[in-house]
């Protein structure tokens, strides 16, 4: 959920965490006309080699082929097409502490001149370590989408992070990632949040929507499963 105002004001998209899915980066780049720089230390030449090997073994053993499976086998070609080294770049670098070879938000921002930046963040737990840096760079960050993992273990911490961001950013959307599953009471273990800088935020004339997922807007991350409803404090689960 990214507004036209944000798209028109973004000059650079940072994608922190690529894995095998860069659809968001591709769509954002197409609509905003901005450059894309991604960081993911797990997607290497060895990774693609091993992935193709497993796919080829499956093909030889006669697994049933489909259009989706064929696309899967050719994923590396899609990767090379999008990450052309010019308008879209992928660095095999982790996001984390510089002391262990990673890059942090301050370092990324220092190399972007005066560009207005949007962040997409899915870094498997490291989001807790860089969140404060996003707030500290609010003058040039127009917004960010961040995925919080292990929500059941970090509810209090997430609440404090939300409070720290509210001065400069508006929380405009929440979505549960159904790939992460739920805790014993049915609450999601992985949550995606979309934040927009306050001067970029255009309030809707519609009533505030507190029922998530939002029909027509949200879709399950895993299409084979149902979306997970989000329960707020005070809600009664039936």
C-alpha atoms as a PDB file:
ATOM      1  CA  UNK A   1       0.000   0.000   0.000  1.00  0.00           C
ATOM      2  CA  UNK A   2       2.036   2.957  -1.325  1.00  0.00           C
ATOM      3  CA  UNK A   3       0.386   6.234  -2.360  1.00  0.00           C
ATOM      4  CA  UNK A   4       0.936   8.094  -5.612  1.00  0.00           C
ATOM      5  CA  UNK A   5       2.438  10.961  -3.585  1.00  0.00           C
ATOM      6  CA  UNK A   6       5.132   8.666  -2.224  1.00  0.00           C
ATOM      7  CA  UNK A   7       5.837   7.136  -5.634  1.00  0.00           C
ATOM      8  CA  UNK A   8       6.237  10.565  -7.238  1.00  0.00           C
ATOM      9  CA  UNK A   9       8.602  11.713  -4.490  1.00  0.00           C
ATOM     10  CA  UNK A  10      10.855   8.640  -4.377  1.00  0.00           C
ATOM     11  CA  UNK A  11      14.145   8.800  -6.261  1.00  0.00           C
ATOM     12  CA  UNK A  12      15.692   5.606  -4.877  1.00  0.00           C
ATOM     13  CA  UNK A  13      14.266   2.377  -3.500  1.00  0.00           C
ATOM     14  CA  UNK A  14      16.357   0.343  -1.075  1.00  0.00           C
ATOM     15  CA  UNK A  15      15.302  -3.314  -0.943  1.00  0.00           C
ATOM     16  CA  UNK A  16      16.733  -4.926   2.168  1.00  0.00           C
ATOM     17  CA  UNK A  17      16.251  -8.652   1.698  1.00  0.00           C
ATOM     18  CA  UNK A  18      15.646 -10.110  -1.762  1.00  0.00           C
ATOM     19  CA  UNK A  19      15.404 -13.887  -1.424  1.00  0.00           C
ATOM     20  CA  UNK A  20      13.595 -15.109  -4.553  1.00  0.00           C
ATOM     21  CA  UNK A  21      10.948 -12.432  -4.800  1.00  0.00           C
ATOM     22  CA  UNK A  22      11.603  -8.944  -6.187  1.00  0.00           C
ATOM     23  CA  UNK A  23       8.077  -8.303  -7.479  1.00  0.00           C
ATOM     24  CA  UNK A  24       7.620  -5.371  -5.119  1.00  0.00           C
ATOM     25  CA  UNK A  25      10.862  -3.752  -6.279  1.00  0.00           C
ATOM     26  CA  UNK A  26       9.968  -4.317  -9.926  1.00  0.00           C
ATOM     27  CA  UNK A  27       6.476  -2.833  -9.588  1.00  0.00           C
ATOM     28  CA  UNK A  28       7.690   0.084  -7.463  1.00  0.00           C
ATOM     29  CA  UNK A  29      10.420   0.875  -9.998  1.00  0.00           C
ATOM     30  CA  UNK A  30       7.947   0.786 -12.875  1.00  0.00           C
ATOM     31  CA  UNK A  31       5.490   3.145 -11.173  1.00  0.00           C
ATOM     32  CA  UNK A  32       7.970   5.521  -9.553  1.00  0.00           C
ATOM     33  CA  UNK A  33      10.597   5.541 -12.298  1.00  0.00           C
ATOM     34  CA  UNK A  34      13.291   5.359  -9.621  1.00  0.00           C
ATOM     35  CA  UNK A  35      16.514   3.426  -9.237  1.00  0.00           C
ATOM     36  CA  UNK A  36      16.635   0.274  -7.101  1.00  0.00           C
ATOM     37  CA  UNK A  37      19.454  -0.955  -4.874  1.00  0.00           C
ATOM     38  CA  UNK A  38      18.990  -4.255  -3.031  1.00  0.00           C
ATOM     39  CA  UNK A  39      21.041  -6.009  -0.378  1.00  0.00           C
ATOM     40  CA  UNK A  40      20.936  -9.736   0.391  1.00  0.00           C
ATOM     41  CA  UNK A  41      24.022 -11.749   1.294  1.00  0.00           C
ATOM     42  CA  UNK A  42      22.245 -15.104   0.847  1.00  0.00           C
ATOM     43  CA  UNK A  43      21.602 -14.798  -2.904  1.00  0.00           C
ATOM     44  CA  UNK A  44      24.952 -15.735  -4.447  1.00  0.00           C
ATOM     45  CA  UNK A  45      26.252 -17.611  -7.484  1.00  0.00           C
ATOM     46  CA  UNK A  46      26.481 -20.750  -5.339  1.00  0.00           C
ATOM     47  CA  UNK A  47      22.854 -20.310  -4.337  1.00  0.00           C
ATOM     48  CA  UNK A  48      21.666 -20.145  -7.963  1.00  0.00           C
ATOM     49  CA  UNK A  49      23.865 -23.090  -8.954  1.00  0.00           C
ATOM     50  CA  UNK A  50      22.447 -25.281  -6.192  1.00  0.00           C
ATOM     51  CA  UNK A  51      18.909 -24.157  -6.927  1.00  0.00           C
ATOM     52  CA  UNK A  52      19.202 -25.027 -10.616  1.00  0.00           C
ATOM     53  CA  UNK A  53      20.765 -28.381  -9.743  1.00  0.00           C
ATOM     54  CA  UNK A  54      17.797 -29.319  -7.553  1.00  0.00           C
ATOM     55  CA  UNK A  55      15.297 -28.131 -10.172  1.00  0.00           C
ATOM     56  CA  UNK A  56      17.090 -30.116 -12.895  1.00  0.00           C
ATOM     57  CA  UNK A  57      17.153 -33.287 -10.784  1.00  0.00           C
ATOM     58  CA  UNK A  58      13.421 -32.904 -10.262  1.00  0.00           C
ATOM     59  CA  UNK A  59      12.933 -32.526 -14.011  1.00  0.00           C
ATOM     60  CA  UNK A  60      15.013 -35.631 -14.807  1.00  0.00           C
ATOM     61  CA  UNK A  61      13.070 -37.671 -12.271  1.00  0.00           C
ATOM     62  CA  UNK A  62       9.919 -36.886 -14.173  1.00  0.00           C
ATOM     63  CA  UNK A  63       8.127 -34.517 -11.880  1.00  0.00           C
ATOM     64  CA  UNK A  64       5.052 -33.101 -13.488  1.00  0.00           C
ATOM     65  CA  UNK A  65       5.863 -29.867 -15.286  1.00  0.00           C
ATOM     66  CA  UNK A  66       3.640 -26.800 -15.289  1.00  0.00           C
ATOM     67  CA  UNK A  67       4.060 -23.257 -16.527  1.00  0.00           C
ATOM     68  CA  UNK A  68       4.811 -22.141 -12.976  1.00  0.00           C
ATOM     69  CA  UNK A  69       7.446 -24.856 -12.494  1.00  0.00           C
ATOM     70  CA  UNK A  70       9.121 -23.935 -15.794  1.00  0.00           C
ATOM     71  CA  UNK A  71       9.189 -20.277 -14.712  1.00  0.00           C
ATOM     72  CA  UNK A  72      10.708 -21.411 -11.455  1.00  0.00           C
ATOM     73  CA  UNK A  73      13.504 -23.219 -13.298  1.00  0.00           C
ATOM     74  CA  UNK A  74      14.239 -20.039 -15.270  1.00  0.00           C
ATOM     75  CA  UNK A  75      14.197 -17.769 -12.212  1.00  0.00           C
ATOM     76  CA  UNK A  76      17.868 -16.897 -12.593  1.00  0.00           C
ATOM     77  CA  UNK A  77      17.198 -15.401 -16.023  1.00  0.00           C
ATOM     78  CA  UNK A  78      14.493 -13.202 -14.501  1.00  0.00           C
ATOM     79  CA  UNK A  79      16.944 -12.192 -11.791  1.00  0.00           C
ATOM     80  CA  UNK A  80      19.559 -11.192 -14.358  1.00  0.00           C
ATOM     81  CA  UNK A  81      16.990  -9.308 -16.431  1.00  0.00           C
ATOM     82  CA  UNK A  82      15.832  -7.166 -13.520  1.00  0.00           C
ATOM     83  CA  UNK A  83      19.148  -6.660 -11.747  1.00  0.00           C
ATOM     84  CA  UNK A  84      20.942  -5.211 -14.754  1.00  0.00           C
ATOM     85  CA  UNK A  85      23.637  -3.472 -12.709  1.00  0.00           C
ATOM     86  CA  UNK A  86      22.425  -0.053 -13.842  1.00  0.00           C
ATOM     87  CA  UNK A  87      18.900   0.928 -12.842  1.00  0.00           C
ATOM     88  CA  UNK A  88      18.598  -2.034 -10.470  1.00  0.00           C
ATOM     89  CA  UNK A  89      21.566  -3.346  -8.483  1.00  0.00           C
ATOM     90  CA  UNK A  90      21.917  -6.246  -6.063  1.00  0.00           C
ATOM     91  CA  UNK A  91      24.773  -6.289  -3.562  1.00  0.00           C
ATOM     92  CA  UNK A  92      25.603  -9.554  -1.810  1.00  0.00           C
ATOM     93  CA  UNK A  93      25.917  -7.739   1.487  1.00  0.00           C
ATOM     94  CA  UNK A  94      24.056  -8.332   4.735  1.00  0.00           C
ATOM     95  CA  UNK A  95      22.197  -5.595   6.579  1.00  0.00           C
ATOM     96  CA  UNK A  96      23.212  -5.465  10.213  1.00  0.00           C
ATOM     97  CA  UNK A  97      26.190  -4.437  12.290  1.00  0.00           C
ATOM     98  CA  UNK A  98      29.300  -3.071  10.515  1.00  0.00           C
ATOM     99  CA  UNK A  99      31.356  -4.857  13.162  1.00  0.00           C
ATOM    100  CA  UNK A 100      30.439  -8.216  11.602  1.00  0.00           C
ATOM    101  CA  UNK A 101      30.670  -7.104   7.984  1.00  0.00           C
ATOM    102  CA  UNK A 102      27.159  -5.739   7.517  1.00  0.00           C
ATOM    103  CA  UNK A 103      25.828  -2.376   6.425  1.00  0.00           C
ATOM    104  CA  UNK A 104      23.437  -0.253   8.458  1.00  0.00           C
ATOM    105  CA  UNK A 105      20.925   2.414   7.443  1.00  0.00           C
ATOM    106  CA  UNK A 106      23.270   5.285   8.277  1.00  0.00           C
ATOM    107  CA  UNK A 107      25.872   3.896   5.876  1.00  0.00           C
ATOM    108  CA  UNK A 108      23.332   3.426   3.086  1.00  0.00           C
ATOM    109  CA  UNK A 109      21.975   6.939   3.462  1.00  0.00           C
ATOM    110  CA  UNK A 110      25.480   8.430   3.475  1.00  0.00           C
ATOM    111  CA  UNK A 111      26.024   7.176  -0.079  1.00  0.00           C
ATOM    112  CA  UNK A 112      22.787   8.460  -1.625  1.00  0.00           C
ATOM    113  CA  UNK A 113      23.637  12.185  -1.880  1.00  0.00           C
ATOM    114  CA  UNK A 114      20.391  14.096  -1.337  1.00  0.00           C
ATOM    115  CA  UNK A 115      18.023  11.562  -2.910  1.00  0.00           C
ATOM    116  CA  UNK A 116      14.607  10.916  -1.423  1.00  0.00           C
ATOM    117  CA  UNK A 117      14.509   7.269  -0.381  1.00  0.00           C
ATOM    118  CA  UNK A 118      11.925   4.547   0.265  1.00  0.00           C
ATOM    119  CA  UNK A 119      12.831   1.309   2.083  1.00  0.00           C
ATOM    120  CA  UNK A 120      11.407  -2.206   1.756  1.00  0.00           C
ATOM    121  CA  UNK A 121      12.713  -4.293   4.635  1.00  0.00           C
ATOM    122  CA  UNK A 122      12.537  -8.071   5.111  1.00  0.00           C
ATOM    123  CA  UNK A 123      15.709  -9.115   6.899  1.00  0.00           C
ATOM    124  CA  UNK A 124      14.634 -11.957   9.184  1.00  0.00           C
ATOM    125  CA  UNK A 125      14.954 -10.381  12.616  1.00  0.00           C
ATOM    126  CA  UNK A 126      17.548  -7.701  11.920  1.00  0.00           C
ATOM    127  CA  UNK A 127      14.735  -5.159  11.488  1.00  0.00           C
ATOM    128  CA  UNK A 128      14.728  -4.629  15.257  1.00  0.00           C
ATOM    129  CA  UNK A 129      18.344  -3.492  15.106  1.00  0.00           C
ATOM    130  CA  UNK A 130      17.912  -0.865  12.382  1.00  0.00           C
ATOM    131  CA  UNK A 131      14.435   0.562  13.048  1.00  0.00           C
ATOM    132  CA  UNK A 132      15.679   3.520  15.099  1.00  0.00           C
ATOM    133  CA  UNK A 133      18.027   4.472  12.272  1.00  0.00           C
ATOM    134  CA  UNK A 134      15.063   4.833   9.897  1.00  0.00           C
ATOM    135  CA  UNK A 135      13.492   7.361  12.257  1.00  0.00           C
ATOM    136  CA  UNK A 136      16.795   9.202  12.650  1.00  0.00           C
ATOM    137  CA  UNK A 137      16.978   9.662   8.853  1.00  0.00           C
ATOM    138  CA  UNK A 138      13.373  10.824   8.475  1.00  0.00           C
ATOM    139  CA  UNK A 139      14.285  14.027   6.605  1.00  0.00           C
ATOM    140  CA  UNK A 140      15.180  12.014   3.490  1.00  0.00           C
ATOM    141  CA  UNK A 141      13.194   8.797   3.962  1.00  0.00           C
ATOM    142  CA  UNK A 142       9.718   9.277   2.496  1.00  0.00           C
ATOM    143  CA  UNK A 143       8.458   5.960   3.826  1.00  0.00           C
ATOM    144  CA  UNK A 144       9.160   2.296   4.431  1.00  0.00           C
ATOM    145  CA  UNK A 145       7.537  -1.107   4.490  1.00  0.00           C
ATOM    146  CA  UNK A 146       8.977  -3.306   7.220  1.00  0.00           C
ATOM    147  CA  UNK A 147       8.337  -6.919   8.192  1.00  0.00           C
ATOM    148  CA  UNK A 148       8.521  -7.782  11.885  1.00  0.00           C
ATOM    149  CA  UNK A 149       9.359 -11.400  12.723  1.00  0.00           C
ATOM    150  CA  UNK A 150       8.720 -13.409  15.918  1.00  0.00           C
ATOM    151  CA  UNK A 151       5.988 -10.983  16.935  1.00  0.00           C
ATOM    152  CA  UNK A 152       4.980 -13.148  19.892  1.00  0.00           C
ATOM    153  CA  UNK A 153       8.429 -12.599  21.442  1.00  0.00           C
ATOM    154  CA  UNK A 154       8.670  -8.870  20.685  1.00  0.00           C
ATOM    155  CA  UNK A 155       5.218  -7.342  21.198  1.00  0.00           C
ATOM    156  CA  UNK A 156       6.407  -4.844  23.811  1.00  0.00           C
ATOM    157  CA  UNK A 157       9.445  -3.935  21.735  1.00  0.00           C
ATOM    158  CA  UNK A 158       7.318  -3.403  18.614  1.00  0.00           C
ATOM    159  CA  UNK A 159       4.959  -1.143  20.581  1.00  0.00           C
ATOM    160  CA  UNK A 160       7.896   1.012  21.685  1.00  0.00           C
ATOM    161  CA  UNK A 161       9.241   1.198  18.114  1.00  0.00           C
ATOM    162  CA  UNK A 162       5.821   2.286  16.847  1.00  0.00           C
ATOM    163  CA  UNK A 163       5.677   5.057  19.446  1.00  0.00           C
ATOM    164  CA  UNK A 164       9.179   6.244  18.523  1.00  0.00           C
ATOM    165  CA  UNK A 165       8.225   6.547  14.846  1.00  0.00           C
ATOM    166  CA  UNK A 166       4.943   8.406  15.293  1.00  0.00           C
ATOM    167  CA  UNK A 167       6.530  11.844  15.514  1.00  0.00           C
ATOM    168  CA  UNK A 168       7.745  11.735  11.906  1.00  0.00           C
ATOM    169  CA  UNK A 169       5.860   8.869  10.240  1.00  0.00           C
ATOM    170  CA  UNK A 170       2.270   7.744   9.873  1.00  0.00           C
ATOM    171  CA  UNK A 171       1.435   4.036  10.152  1.00  0.00           C
ATOM    172  CA  UNK A 172      -0.942   3.602   7.201  1.00  0.00           C
ATOM    173  CA  UNK A 173      -1.342  -0.158   6.852  1.00  0.00           C
ATOM    174  CA  UNK A 174      -0.816  -3.483   8.602  1.00  0.00           C
ATOM    175  CA  UNK A 175      -0.864  -6.954   7.080  1.00  0.00           C
ATOM    176  CA  UNK A 176      -0.117 -10.377   8.523  1.00  0.00           C
ATOM    177  CA  UNK A 177       2.200 -12.613   6.515  1.00  0.00           C
ATOM    178  CA  UNK A 178       0.476 -16.001   6.537  1.00  0.00           C
ATOM    179  CA  UNK A 179       3.764 -17.737   5.647  1.00  0.00           C
ATOM    180  CA  UNK A 180       4.870 -17.120   9.237  1.00  0.00           C
ATOM    181  CA  UNK A 181       1.953 -18.893  10.904  1.00  0.00           C
ATOM    182  CA  UNK A 182       0.258 -17.985  14.175  1.00  0.00           C
ATOM    183  CA  UNK A 183       0.822 -18.281  17.918  1.00  0.00           C
ATOM    184  CA  UNK A 184      -1.378 -20.501  20.139  1.00  0.00           C
ATOM    185  CA  UNK A 185      -4.169 -17.877  20.298  1.00  0.00           C
ATOM    186  CA  UNK A 186      -4.228 -17.285  16.543  1.00  0.00           C
ATOM    187  CA  UNK A 187      -2.240 -14.046  16.334  1.00  0.00           C
ATOM    188  CA  UNK A 188       0.275 -13.746  13.464  1.00  0.00           C
ATOM    189  CA  UNK A 189       3.965 -14.346  14.068  1.00  0.00           C
ATOM    190  CA  UNK A 190       5.022 -12.110  11.158  1.00  0.00           C
ATOM    191  CA  UNK A 191       3.505  -8.684  10.461  1.00  0.00           C
ATOM    192  CA  UNK A 192       4.140  -6.203   7.642  1.00  0.00           C
ATOM    193  CA  UNK A 193       3.747  -2.484   8.400  1.00  0.00           C
ATOM    194  CA  UNK A 194       3.685   0.418   5.958  1.00  0.00           C
ATOM    195  CA  UNK A 195       4.899   3.814   7.195  1.00  0.00           C
ATOM    196  CA  UNK A 196       4.686   7.122   5.321  1.00  0.00           C
ATOM    197  CA  UNK A 197       6.403  10.346   6.382  1.00  0.00           C
ATOM    198  CA  UNK A 198       3.788  12.706   7.770  1.00  0.00           C
ATOM    199  CA  UNK A 199       4.276  15.421   5.140  1.00  0.00           C
ATOM    200  CA  UNK A 200       3.664  12.789   2.425  1.00  0.00           C
ATOM    201  CA  UNK A 201       0.558  11.394   4.077  1.00  0.00           C
ATOM    202  CA  UNK A 202      -2.809  12.311   2.578  1.00  0.00           C
ATOM    203  CA  UNK A 203      -5.644  11.280   4.936  1.00  0.00           C
ATOM    204  CA  UNK A 204      -8.547   9.396   3.437  1.00  0.00           C
ATOM    205  CA  UNK A 205     -12.074  10.753   3.688  1.00  0.00           C
ATOM    206  CA  UNK A 206     -13.258   7.225   4.452  1.00  0.00           C
ATOM    207  CA  UNK A 207     -13.613   6.007   8.056  1.00  0.00           C
ATOM    208  CA  UNK A 208     -10.457   4.537   9.577  1.00  0.00           C
ATOM    209  CA  UNK A 209     -10.299   0.853   8.714  1.00  0.00           C
ATOM    210  CA  UNK A 210      -9.479  -1.347  11.710  1.00  0.00           C
ATOM    211  CA  UNK A 211     -10.473  -4.645  10.153  1.00  0.00           C
ATOM    212  CA  UNK A 212      -7.470  -6.369   8.574  1.00  0.00           C
ATOM    213  CA  UNK A 213      -7.009  -7.861   6.047  1.00  0.00           C
ATOM    214  CA  UNK A 214      -8.775  -5.283   3.879  1.00  0.00           C
ATOM    215  CA  UNK A 215     -10.939  -6.835   1.180  1.00  0.00           C
ATOM    216  CA  UNK A 216      -9.779  -5.957  -2.323  1.00  0.00           C
ATOM    217  CA  UNK A 217      -6.427  -4.663  -1.090  1.00  0.00           C
ATOM    218  CA  UNK A 218      -4.790  -7.447   0.903  1.00  0.00           C
ATOM    219  CA  UNK A 219      -3.988 -10.915  -0.383  1.00  0.00           C
ATOM    220  CA  UNK A 220      -2.283 -13.877   1.319  1.00  0.00           C
ATOM    221  CA  UNK A 221       1.509 -14.027   0.907  1.00  0.00           C
ATOM    222  CA  UNK A 222       0.979 -17.758   0.461  1.00  0.00           C
ATOM    223  CA  UNK A 223      -1.967 -18.008  -1.940  1.00  0.00           C
ATOM    224  CA  UNK A 224      -2.583 -21.610  -0.865  1.00  0.00           C
ATOM    225  CA  UNK A 225      -3.523 -20.471   2.644  1.00  0.00           C
ATOM    226  CA  UNK A 226      -5.993 -18.035   4.148  1.00  0.00           C
ATOM    227  CA  UNK A 227      -5.041 -14.540   5.201  1.00  0.00           C
ATOM    228  CA  UNK A 228      -4.664 -14.050   8.960  1.00  0.00           C
ATOM    229  CA  UNK A 229      -6.951 -11.505  10.642  1.00  0.00           C
ATOM    230  CA  UNK A 230      -5.294  -9.025  12.990  1.00  0.00           C
ATOM    231  CA  UNK A 231      -6.796  -8.616  16.454  1.00  0.00           C
ATOM    232  CA  UNK A 232      -6.232  -5.391  18.354  1.00  0.00           C
ATOM    233  CA  UNK A 233      -6.228  -5.006  22.139  1.00  0.00           C
ATOM    234  CA  UNK A 234      -9.813  -4.854  23.262  1.00  0.00           C
ATOM    235  CA  UNK A 235     -11.126  -6.956  20.412  1.00  0.00           C
ATOM    236  CA  UNK A 236     -13.043 -10.066  21.385  1.00  0.00           C
ATOM    237  CA  UNK A 237     -12.022 -13.226  19.564  1.00  0.00           C
ATOM    238  CA  UNK A 238     -14.951 -15.496  18.717  1.00  0.00           C
END
